[in-house]
Amino acid sequence: MIIRQVILCAVQSVSAVGALSGCVLRSDVVPAGDGAYLVTGRTGDFGPDVQTELLKKANAFCAAQGAGVHIESQSDDYKPLQVFGPRTGRLYFKCVKG
């Protein structure tokens, strides 16, 4: 899955649309112990906010289980003065029902 995303990002990045829109590479959701899960991601130079994209992935994962998302922790490499360049992030979460 991740290899397909890398290839797709590479193809998009050589096109004008890809260069402007950026691309998000996300890991699969993986168990992180104690009922928590981890998803990581990286955006291209002009990509969307990495935390928003990771939260979308977490929401879809939990919704498939009939649950909502409870964020345990999140981090990214946001730098206030950084205009260009890729951004990476990680999101630890739990799926909760009710």
Protein backbone atom coordinates (compact mmCIF):
# COMPACT_ATOMS: atom_id res chain seq x y z
CA MET A 1 0.00 0.00 0.00
CA ILE A 2 2.70 2.52 0.98
CA ILE A 3 4.74 1.68 -2.12
CA ARG A 4 1.73 2.47 -4.30
CA GLN A 5 1.35 5.83 -2.50
CA VAL A 6 5.05 6.65 -3.03
CA ILE A 7 4.77 5.90 -6.74
CA LEU A 8 1.59 7.95 -7.01
CA CYS A 9 3.23 10.90 -5.22
CA ALA A 10 6.26 10.67 -7.49
CA VAL A 11 4.06 10.75 -10.57
CA GLN A 12 1.99 13.63 -9.19
CA SER A 13 5.04 15.64 -8.19
CA VAL A 14 6.30 15.83 -11.78
CA SER A 15 2.97 17.24 -12.96
CA ALA A 16 1.97 20.87 -12.50
CA VAL A 17 -1.06 19.86 -10.45
CA GLY A 18 1.02 17.58 -8.22
CA ALA A 19 3.64 20.25 -7.65
CA LEU A 20 1.02 22.71 -6.46
CA SER A 21 -1.25 20.38 -4.55
CA GLY A 22 1.34 18.30 -2.74
CA CYS A 23 0.79 14.78 -1.64
CA VAL A 24 0.31 12.94 1.63
CA LEU A 25 2.04 9.67 2.39
CA ARG A 26 0.36 7.88 5.29
CA SER A 27 1.29 4.66 6.99
CA ASP A 28 -1.32 2.02 7.59
CA VAL A 29 -2.93 2.17 11.01
CA VAL A 30 -0.87 -0.07 13.30
CA PRO A 31 -1.57 -1.29 16.84
CA ALA A 32 0.50 0.62 19.42
CA GLY A 33 -0.41 -1.35 22.54
CA ASP A 34 -3.02 -0.91 25.27
CA GLY A 35 -5.83 -0.50 22.72
CA ALA A 36 -4.11 2.44 21.00
CA TYR A 37 -3.18 2.80 17.34
CA LEU A 38 -0.55 4.79 15.45
CA VAL A 39 -0.65 6.40 12.02
CA THR A 40 2.18 8.50 10.59
CA GLY A 41 2.37 10.71 7.54
CA ARG A 42 4.39 13.10 5.45
CA THR A 43 3.23 15.84 3.09
CA GLY A 44 4.95 17.28 0.07
CA ASP A 45 6.19 20.86 -0.21
CA PHE A 46 2.74 22.37 -0.77
CA GLY A 47 0.70 19.56 0.74
CA PRO A 48 -2.25 19.75 3.07
CA ASP A 49 -1.86 19.91 6.81
CA VAL A 50 -0.41 16.58 7.88
CA GLN A 51 -2.37 16.35 11.16
CA THR A 52 -5.68 16.90 9.35
CA GLU A 53 -4.88 14.08 6.96
CA LEU A 54 -3.86 11.74 9.79
CA LEU A 55 -7.06 12.52 11.68
CA LYS A 56 -9.09 11.69 8.56
CA LYS A 57 -7.36 8.31 8.41
CA ALA A 58 -8.00 7.67 12.12
CA ASN A 59 -11.67 8.69 11.77
CA ALA A 60 -12.18 6.32 8.84
CA PHE A 61 -10.48 3.49 10.73
CA CYS A 62 -12.64 3.93 13.85
CA ALA A 63 -15.84 4.54 11.87
CA ALA A 64 -15.36 1.14 10.22
CA GLN A 65 -15.55 -0.30 13.75
CA GLY A 66 -18.61 1.77 14.65
CA ALA A 67 -16.57 3.95 17.01
CA GLY A 68 -15.23 7.47 17.35
CA VAL A 69 -11.67 8.71 17.76
CA HIS A 70 -10.03 9.64 21.05
CA ILE A 71 -6.63 11.28 20.44
CA GLU A 72 -3.98 10.06 22.86
CA SER A 73 -1.17 12.23 21.47
CA GLN A 74 -0.04 13.87 18.28
CA SER A 75 3.11 15.51 17.03
CA ASP A 76 4.47 17.09 13.90
CA ASP A 77 7.49 19.03 12.78
CA TYR A 78 5.60 22.31 12.19
CA LYS A 79 7.85 25.35 12.14
CA PRO A 80 6.02 28.72 12.14
CA LEU A 81 8.37 30.36 9.64
CA GLN A 82 8.68 27.36 7.33
CA VAL A 83 6.77 28.10 4.14
CA PHE A 84 8.10 25.32 1.94
CA GLY A 85 9.24 21.81 2.57
CA PRO A 86 7.70 18.53 3.64
CA ARG A 87 6.06 18.09 7.00
CA THR A 88 5.82 14.89 8.99
CA GLY A 89 3.53 13.90 11.81
CA ARG A 90 2.27 11.07 13.96
CA LEU A 91 -1.03 10.45 15.66
CA TYR A 92 -1.71 8.00 18.51
CA PHE A 93 -5.40 7.33 19.06
CA LYS A 94 -7.97 4.94 20.45
CA CYS A 95 -11.34 3.98 19.00
CA VAL A 96 -14.11 4.50 21.56
CA LYS A 97 -17.75 3.52 21.38
CA GLY A 98 -20.57 5.57 22.80
